[in-house]
N, C-alpha and C. Protein backbone atom coordinates (compact mmCIF):
# COMPACT_ATOMS: atom_id res chain seq x y z
N MET A 1 19.76 36.70 -14.85
CA MET A 1 19.79 35.39 -15.48
C MET A 1 18.37 34.91 -15.69
N ALA A 2 18.12 34.33 -16.83
CA ALA A 2 16.78 33.85 -17.17
C ALA A 2 16.41 32.64 -16.31
N ARG A 3 15.16 32.59 -15.95
CA ARG A 3 14.66 31.47 -15.16
C ARG A 3 14.47 30.26 -16.07
N VAL A 4 14.85 29.10 -15.61
CA VAL A 4 14.72 27.87 -16.38
C VAL A 4 13.25 27.47 -16.36
N ARG A 5 12.72 27.17 -17.53
CA ARG A 5 11.32 26.75 -17.63
C ARG A 5 11.15 25.37 -17.02
N ALA A 6 9.97 25.10 -16.48
CA ALA A 6 9.69 23.83 -15.81
C ALA A 6 9.98 22.64 -16.70
N VAL A 7 9.66 22.74 -17.97
CA VAL A 7 9.86 21.61 -18.87
C VAL A 7 11.35 21.30 -19.01
N ASP A 8 12.21 22.29 -18.84
CA ASP A 8 13.64 22.10 -18.94
C ASP A 8 14.24 21.61 -17.62
N ARG A 9 13.47 21.64 -16.56
CA ARG A 9 13.99 21.23 -15.25
C ARG A 9 13.95 19.72 -15.04
N ARG A 10 13.28 19.02 -15.94
CA ARG A 10 13.16 17.57 -15.80
C ARG A 10 12.54 17.21 -14.45
N LEU A 11 11.38 17.79 -14.20
CA LEU A 11 10.70 17.61 -12.92
C LEU A 11 10.44 16.15 -12.60
N PHE A 12 10.00 15.39 -13.59
CA PHE A 12 9.70 13.99 -13.32
C PHE A 12 10.94 13.26 -12.84
N LEU A 13 12.06 13.47 -13.51
CA LEU A 13 13.30 12.80 -13.14
C LEU A 13 13.72 13.18 -11.71
N LEU A 14 13.63 14.45 -11.38
CA LEU A 14 13.98 14.88 -10.03
C LEU A 14 13.05 14.29 -8.98
N ILE A 15 11.77 14.25 -9.29
CA ILE A 15 10.81 13.65 -8.36
C ILE A 15 11.12 12.17 -8.19
N GLU A 16 11.40 11.49 -9.29
CA GLU A 16 11.71 10.05 -9.25
C GLU A 16 12.96 9.78 -8.43
N ILE A 17 14.02 10.55 -8.64
CA ILE A 17 15.26 10.35 -7.89
C ILE A 17 15.04 10.62 -6.41
N ALA A 18 14.38 11.73 -6.10
CA ALA A 18 14.11 12.07 -4.70
C ALA A 18 13.25 11.00 -4.04
N ALA A 19 12.22 10.54 -4.75
CA ALA A 19 11.33 9.52 -4.19
C ALA A 19 12.09 8.23 -3.91
N ARG A 20 12.93 7.83 -4.83
CA ARG A 20 13.70 6.58 -4.61
C ARG A 20 14.63 6.72 -3.41
N ARG A 21 15.33 7.84 -3.32
CA ARG A 21 16.25 8.03 -2.20
C ARG A 21 15.51 8.09 -0.86
N LEU A 22 14.41 8.82 -0.84
CA LEU A 22 13.63 8.91 0.39
C LEU A 22 13.02 7.57 0.75
N SER A 23 12.53 6.85 -0.24
CA SER A 23 11.95 5.52 0.01
C SER A 23 12.99 4.56 0.56
N ARG A 24 14.18 4.60 -0.02
CA ARG A 24 15.25 3.71 0.45
C ARG A 24 15.62 4.05 1.89
N ASP A 25 15.73 5.33 2.20
CA ASP A 25 16.06 5.76 3.56
C ASP A 25 14.95 5.35 4.53
N ALA A 26 13.71 5.63 4.17
CA ALA A 26 12.58 5.26 5.03
C ALA A 26 12.51 3.75 5.22
N ASP A 27 12.73 2.99 4.15
CA ASP A 27 12.68 1.54 4.22
C ASP A 27 13.74 1.01 5.20
N GLN A 28 14.95 1.54 5.13
CA GLN A 28 16.01 1.11 6.04
C GLN A 28 15.64 1.43 7.49
N ARG A 29 15.12 2.62 7.73
CA ARG A 29 14.73 3.00 9.08
C ARG A 29 13.60 2.12 9.61
N LEU A 30 12.62 1.88 8.74
CA LEU A 30 11.47 1.06 9.15
C LEU A 30 11.88 -0.38 9.45
N ARG A 31 12.71 -0.94 8.61
CA ARG A 31 13.17 -2.32 8.84
C ARG A 31 13.95 -2.42 10.15
N ALA A 32 14.81 -1.42 10.41
CA ALA A 32 15.64 -1.45 11.61
C ALA A 32 14.82 -1.25 12.90
N SER A 33 13.85 -0.36 12.86
CA SER A 33 13.10 -0.01 14.07
C SER A 33 11.78 -0.74 14.25
N ALA A 34 11.09 -1.00 13.14
CA ALA A 34 9.75 -1.60 13.24
C ALA A 34 9.69 -3.00 12.65
N GLY A 35 10.73 -3.41 11.94
CA GLY A 35 10.75 -4.76 11.36
C GLY A 35 9.86 -4.93 10.15
N VAL A 36 9.49 -3.82 9.50
CA VAL A 36 8.65 -3.88 8.31
C VAL A 36 9.24 -2.99 7.21
N SER A 37 8.84 -3.28 5.99
CA SER A 37 9.27 -2.45 4.86
C SER A 37 8.35 -1.24 4.73
N ALA A 38 8.77 -0.30 3.89
CA ALA A 38 7.94 0.88 3.64
C ALA A 38 6.60 0.46 3.03
N SER A 39 6.62 -0.49 2.11
CA SER A 39 5.37 -0.96 1.49
C SER A 39 4.46 -1.61 2.53
N GLN A 40 5.05 -2.43 3.38
CA GLN A 40 4.25 -3.06 4.42
C GLN A 40 3.68 -2.03 5.38
N SER A 41 4.46 -1.00 5.71
CA SER A 41 3.96 0.01 6.63
C SER A 41 2.76 0.75 6.03
N ALA A 42 2.76 0.94 4.72
CA ALA A 42 1.62 1.61 4.07
C ALA A 42 0.34 0.79 4.27
N VAL A 43 0.44 -0.52 4.12
CA VAL A 43 -0.72 -1.40 4.33
C VAL A 43 -1.13 -1.37 5.80
N LEU A 44 -0.15 -1.44 6.69
CA LEU A 44 -0.45 -1.40 8.12
C LEU A 44 -1.18 -0.13 8.51
N PHE A 45 -0.71 1.02 7.99
CA PHE A 45 -1.36 2.30 8.31
C PHE A 45 -2.79 2.31 7.81
N LEU A 46 -2.99 1.83 6.60
CA LEU A 46 -4.34 1.80 6.03
C LEU A 46 -5.28 0.97 6.91
N LEU A 47 -4.83 -0.20 7.30
CA LEU A 47 -5.66 -1.08 8.12
C LEU A 47 -5.84 -0.53 9.53
N LEU A 48 -4.82 0.10 10.07
CA LEU A 48 -4.91 0.67 11.41
C LEU A 48 -5.94 1.80 11.44
N ARG A 49 -5.94 2.63 10.41
CA ARG A 49 -6.80 3.80 10.40
C ARG A 49 -8.22 3.50 9.91
N ARG A 50 -8.35 2.55 8.99
CA ARG A 50 -9.65 2.32 8.36
C ARG A 50 -10.25 0.95 8.63
N GLY A 51 -9.55 0.09 9.35
CA GLY A 51 -10.06 -1.23 9.64
C GLY A 51 -9.84 -2.18 8.47
N GLU A 52 -10.38 -3.39 8.60
CA GLU A 52 -10.13 -4.39 7.56
C GLU A 52 -10.58 -3.89 6.18
N ARG A 53 -9.85 -4.33 5.17
CA ARG A 53 -10.09 -3.87 3.80
C ARG A 53 -10.00 -5.03 2.84
N ARG A 54 -10.71 -4.87 1.75
CA ARG A 54 -10.62 -5.84 0.64
C ARG A 54 -9.28 -5.63 -0.05
N MET A 55 -8.77 -6.69 -0.64
CA MET A 55 -7.49 -6.63 -1.34
C MET A 55 -7.54 -5.55 -2.43
N GLY A 56 -8.62 -5.47 -3.17
CA GLY A 56 -8.74 -4.48 -4.24
C GLY A 56 -8.69 -3.06 -3.71
N ALA A 57 -9.28 -2.83 -2.56
CA ALA A 57 -9.27 -1.49 -1.96
C ALA A 57 -7.86 -1.11 -1.52
N ILE A 58 -7.10 -2.07 -1.03
CA ILE A 58 -5.71 -1.80 -0.65
C ILE A 58 -4.93 -1.37 -1.89
N GLY A 59 -5.10 -2.11 -2.97
CA GLY A 59 -4.41 -1.77 -4.21
C GLY A 59 -4.80 -0.41 -4.73
N GLU A 60 -6.08 -0.09 -4.64
CA GLU A 60 -6.56 1.20 -5.13
C GLU A 60 -5.96 2.35 -4.34
N VAL A 61 -5.99 2.26 -3.02
CA VAL A 61 -5.46 3.34 -2.18
C VAL A 61 -3.96 3.50 -2.37
N LEU A 62 -3.24 2.39 -2.48
CA LEU A 62 -1.78 2.43 -2.56
C LEU A 62 -1.26 2.46 -4.00
N ALA A 63 -2.16 2.50 -4.97
CA ALA A 63 -1.79 2.54 -6.39
C ALA A 63 -0.94 1.33 -6.77
N LEU A 64 -1.40 0.15 -6.35
CA LEU A 64 -0.71 -1.10 -6.66
C LEU A 64 -1.64 -2.02 -7.44
N GLY A 65 -1.07 -2.78 -8.34
CA GLY A 65 -1.84 -3.76 -9.09
C GLY A 65 -2.14 -4.98 -8.24
N ALA A 66 -3.09 -5.79 -8.70
CA ALA A 66 -3.52 -6.98 -7.96
C ALA A 66 -2.37 -7.92 -7.62
N PRO A 67 -1.48 -8.24 -8.57
CA PRO A 67 -0.38 -9.15 -8.22
C PRO A 67 0.54 -8.59 -7.13
N ALA A 68 0.79 -7.29 -7.17
CA ALA A 68 1.64 -6.67 -6.15
C ALA A 68 0.98 -6.74 -4.78
N VAL A 69 -0.32 -6.48 -4.73
CA VAL A 69 -1.04 -6.54 -3.45
C VAL A 69 -1.04 -7.97 -2.92
N THR A 70 -1.29 -8.92 -3.80
CA THR A 70 -1.32 -10.32 -3.38
C THR A 70 0.02 -10.73 -2.79
N GLY A 71 1.11 -10.39 -3.46
CA GLY A 71 2.44 -10.74 -2.95
C GLY A 71 2.74 -10.05 -1.63
N LEU A 72 2.41 -8.79 -1.55
CA LEU A 72 2.66 -8.01 -0.34
C LEU A 72 1.87 -8.57 0.84
N VAL A 73 0.59 -8.81 0.63
CA VAL A 73 -0.27 -9.33 1.71
C VAL A 73 0.17 -10.75 2.09
N THR A 74 0.56 -11.56 1.13
CA THR A 74 1.03 -12.91 1.43
C THR A 74 2.25 -12.86 2.34
N ARG A 75 3.22 -12.00 2.01
CA ARG A 75 4.43 -11.88 2.85
C ARG A 75 4.06 -11.36 4.25
N MET A 76 3.12 -10.44 4.32
CA MET A 76 2.70 -9.90 5.61
C MET A 76 1.96 -10.95 6.43
N GLU A 77 1.18 -11.77 5.75
CA GLU A 77 0.46 -12.85 6.42
C GLU A 77 1.46 -13.87 6.99
N GLU A 78 2.46 -14.21 6.19
CA GLU A 78 3.50 -15.15 6.64
C GLU A 78 4.29 -14.59 7.82
N ALA A 79 4.43 -13.27 7.88
CA ALA A 79 5.15 -12.61 8.99
C ALA A 79 4.25 -12.42 10.21
N GLY A 80 2.97 -12.77 10.10
CA GLY A 80 2.06 -12.64 11.23
C GLY A 80 1.53 -11.24 11.46
N LEU A 81 1.65 -10.37 10.44
CA LEU A 81 1.20 -8.99 10.58
C LEU A 81 -0.27 -8.79 10.25
N VAL A 82 -0.79 -9.63 9.35
CA VAL A 82 -2.18 -9.53 8.92
C VAL A 82 -2.79 -10.92 8.80
N THR A 83 -4.11 -10.93 8.78
CA THR A 83 -4.85 -12.15 8.45
C THR A 83 -5.66 -11.87 7.20
N ARG A 84 -5.94 -12.93 6.48
CA ARG A 84 -6.76 -12.79 5.27
C ARG A 84 -7.86 -13.83 5.36
N ARG A 85 -9.07 -13.40 5.05
CA ARG A 85 -10.20 -14.33 5.06
C ARG A 85 -11.11 -14.03 3.88
N ARG A 86 -11.85 -15.01 3.51
CA ARG A 86 -12.78 -14.85 2.38
C ARG A 86 -13.86 -13.85 2.75
N ASP A 87 -14.21 -13.02 1.81
CA ASP A 87 -15.29 -12.04 1.99
C ASP A 87 -16.61 -12.76 1.77
N VAL A 88 -17.44 -12.85 2.80
CA VAL A 88 -18.71 -13.57 2.68
C VAL A 88 -19.68 -12.87 1.73
N LYS A 89 -19.50 -11.57 1.55
CA LYS A 89 -20.37 -10.82 0.64
C LYS A 89 -19.98 -11.02 -0.82
N ASP A 90 -18.71 -11.32 -1.05
CA ASP A 90 -18.22 -11.54 -2.40
C ASP A 90 -17.13 -12.61 -2.32
N ARG A 91 -17.50 -13.84 -2.60
CA ARG A 91 -16.58 -14.96 -2.40
C ARG A 91 -15.32 -14.89 -3.26
N ARG A 92 -15.33 -14.03 -4.27
CA ARG A 92 -14.12 -13.87 -5.09
C ARG A 92 -13.08 -13.03 -4.38
N GLY A 93 -13.51 -12.26 -3.39
CA GLY A 93 -12.62 -11.32 -2.72
C GLY A 93 -12.15 -11.81 -1.37
N ALA A 94 -11.12 -11.16 -0.87
CA ALA A 94 -10.58 -11.48 0.45
C ALA A 94 -10.49 -10.20 1.27
N LEU A 95 -10.72 -10.33 2.55
CA LEU A 95 -10.60 -9.22 3.48
C LEU A 95 -9.31 -9.38 4.28
N VAL A 96 -8.62 -8.29 4.45
CA VAL A 96 -7.34 -8.29 5.17
C VAL A 96 -7.52 -7.48 6.44
N ALA A 97 -7.03 -8.02 7.56
CA ALA A 97 -7.14 -7.34 8.86
C ALA A 97 -5.81 -7.42 9.59
N LEU A 98 -5.58 -6.49 10.49
CA LEU A 98 -4.37 -6.48 11.31
C LEU A 98 -4.43 -7.56 12.38
N THR A 99 -3.30 -8.12 12.68
CA THR A 99 -3.14 -8.95 13.87
C THR A 99 -2.63 -8.03 14.98
N GLU A 100 -2.50 -8.55 16.17
CA GLU A 100 -1.93 -7.73 17.26
C GLU A 100 -0.48 -7.37 16.93
N ALA A 101 0.26 -8.30 16.35
CA ALA A 101 1.65 -8.00 15.95
C ALA A 101 1.66 -6.92 14.87
N GLY A 102 0.71 -6.96 13.97
CA GLY A 102 0.61 -5.94 12.93
C GLY A 102 0.28 -4.57 13.50
N ARG A 103 -0.59 -4.54 14.49
CA ARG A 103 -0.95 -3.28 15.16
C ARG A 103 0.29 -2.69 15.85
N HIS A 104 1.04 -3.55 16.51
CA HIS A 104 2.25 -3.09 17.20
C HIS A 104 3.27 -2.57 16.18
N ALA A 105 3.47 -3.30 15.08
CA ALA A 105 4.41 -2.86 14.03
C ALA A 105 3.95 -1.54 13.42
N ALA A 106 2.65 -1.38 13.23
CA ALA A 106 2.11 -0.13 12.67
C ALA A 106 2.41 1.05 13.59
N GLU A 107 2.26 0.84 14.89
CA GLU A 107 2.53 1.91 15.84
C GLU A 107 4.02 2.27 15.86
N GLN A 108 4.88 1.27 15.78
CA GLN A 108 6.32 1.53 15.72
C GLN A 108 6.67 2.25 14.42
N ALA A 109 6.11 1.79 13.31
CA ALA A 109 6.38 2.41 12.01
C ALA A 109 5.88 3.85 12.00
N ASP A 110 4.75 4.10 12.64
CA ASP A 110 4.22 5.46 12.71
C ASP A 110 5.21 6.38 13.40
N ALA A 111 5.82 5.93 14.49
CA ALA A 111 6.80 6.75 15.21
C ALA A 111 8.03 7.02 14.33
N VAL A 112 8.49 6.01 13.60
CA VAL A 112 9.64 6.17 12.71
C VAL A 112 9.34 7.20 11.64
N LEU A 113 8.17 7.09 11.01
CA LEU A 113 7.85 8.00 9.91
C LEU A 113 7.49 9.41 10.39
N ARG A 114 6.97 9.53 11.59
CA ARG A 114 6.75 10.87 12.15
C ARG A 114 8.09 11.59 12.33
N ALA A 115 9.07 10.87 12.85
CA ALA A 115 10.40 11.46 13.02
C ALA A 115 11.02 11.79 11.67
N PHE A 116 10.87 10.91 10.70
CA PHE A 116 11.40 11.13 9.35
C PHE A 116 10.75 12.35 8.72
N ASN A 117 9.43 12.47 8.84
CA ASN A 117 8.72 13.63 8.32
C ASN A 117 9.18 14.92 8.99
N ALA A 118 9.42 14.86 10.29
CA ALA A 118 9.90 16.05 11.01
C ALA A 118 11.28 16.47 10.49
N GLU A 119 12.14 15.49 10.20
CA GLU A 119 13.45 15.79 9.63
C GLU A 119 13.31 16.46 8.26
N LEU A 120 12.44 15.92 7.44
CA LEU A 120 12.22 16.49 6.10
C LEU A 120 11.67 17.90 6.21
N ASP A 121 10.74 18.09 7.10
CA ASP A 121 10.15 19.41 7.31
C ASP A 121 11.23 20.42 7.72
N GLU A 122 12.11 19.99 8.61
CA GLU A 122 13.18 20.88 9.06
C GLU A 122 14.17 21.17 7.93
N ARG A 123 14.51 20.15 7.15
CA ARG A 123 15.44 20.35 6.03
C ARG A 123 14.88 21.31 4.99
N LEU A 124 13.59 21.21 4.75
CA LEU A 124 12.96 22.05 3.72
C LEU A 124 12.60 23.45 4.22
N GLY A 125 12.24 23.56 5.48
CA GLY A 125 11.71 24.81 6.01
C GLY A 125 10.20 24.84 5.80
N ASP A 126 9.52 25.64 6.59
CA ASP A 126 8.06 25.67 6.58
C ASP A 126 7.46 26.00 5.22
N GLU A 127 7.94 27.06 4.60
CA GLU A 127 7.35 27.50 3.34
C GLU A 127 7.54 26.46 2.23
N ALA A 128 8.76 25.96 2.09
CA ALA A 128 9.02 24.97 1.04
C ALA A 128 8.27 23.67 1.33
N ALA A 129 8.21 23.27 2.59
CA ALA A 129 7.49 22.04 2.95
C ALA A 129 6.01 22.17 2.63
N ASP A 130 5.43 23.34 2.92
CA ASP A 130 4.02 23.57 2.61
C ASP A 130 3.77 23.55 1.10
N THR A 131 4.66 24.18 0.35
CA THR A 131 4.53 24.21 -1.10
C THR A 131 4.67 22.81 -1.68
N LEU A 132 5.65 22.06 -1.21
CA LEU A 132 5.85 20.70 -1.71
C LEU A 132 4.66 19.82 -1.36
N TYR A 133 4.17 19.95 -0.14
CA TYR A 133 3.00 19.17 0.29
C TYR A 133 1.80 19.45 -0.62
N ASP A 134 1.55 20.72 -0.86
CA ASP A 134 0.42 21.09 -1.73
C ASP A 134 0.61 20.54 -3.14
N ALA A 135 1.81 20.66 -3.68
CA ALA A 135 2.08 20.20 -5.05
C ALA A 135 1.94 18.68 -5.14
N LEU A 136 2.53 17.96 -4.21
CA LEU A 136 2.46 16.49 -4.27
C LEU A 136 1.04 15.98 -4.02
N THR A 137 0.31 16.65 -3.15
CA THR A 137 -1.08 16.28 -2.90
C THR A 137 -1.89 16.45 -4.19
N ARG A 138 -1.66 17.56 -4.87
CA ARG A 138 -2.36 17.82 -6.14
C ARG A 138 -1.98 16.78 -7.19
N LEU A 139 -0.70 16.47 -7.29
CA LEU A 139 -0.25 15.47 -8.27
C LEU A 139 -0.83 14.09 -7.97
N ALA A 140 -0.84 13.72 -6.70
CA ALA A 140 -1.38 12.42 -6.33
C ALA A 140 -2.88 12.33 -6.59
N ALA A 141 -3.60 13.41 -6.33
CA ALA A 141 -5.05 13.41 -6.53
C ALA A 141 -5.41 13.46 -8.00
N ASP A 142 -4.60 14.14 -8.80
CA ASP A 142 -4.90 14.33 -10.21
C ASP A 142 -4.22 13.31 -11.12
N ALA A 143 -3.56 12.33 -10.53
CA ALA A 143 -2.83 11.35 -11.34
C ALA A 143 -3.80 10.63 -12.29
N PRO A 144 -3.45 10.58 -13.58
CA PRO A 144 -4.32 9.88 -14.52
C PRO A 144 -4.33 8.39 -14.24
N ASP A 145 -5.44 7.78 -14.49
CA ASP A 145 -5.60 6.34 -14.30
C ASP A 145 -4.83 5.63 -15.41
N ALA A 146 -3.87 4.79 -15.03
CA ALA A 146 -3.02 4.10 -16.00
C ALA A 146 -3.79 3.11 -16.85
N SER A 147 -4.96 2.70 -16.39
CA SER A 147 -5.72 1.71 -17.15
C SER A 147 -6.46 2.33 -18.33
N ARG A 148 -6.52 3.67 -18.38
CA ARG A 148 -7.21 4.33 -19.48
C ARG A 148 -6.39 4.36 -20.74
């Protein structure tokens, strides 16, 4: 039987469907165990690993536009997970930092996602997981800038 060409496989659609399902599953697990959404956990991990960040840097790393970052950080600030203060070096910008509650939520979310990743790794098997990791890493790094 002839192999189906990649263009006929509708790779984007399959990636989109898989991403939505995995995101929904991860979001439910994170909300139940850590009290945060998947989007919030991404910000928490960034701040936990790299320290306080400018709003623009958060958006850049997470591939989010300014309005999305503002809304996300505002909700996190209201939940007591982060603080936001004016950047003294650039008064137009704001710096976001973890609170102690945010640090605790980040650690809980990390445990949830480590377990989730282990499940995915087991479902896929070592070889497929390695191949998928390499492919997604390449796609994420090579993603064209939407502003161009």
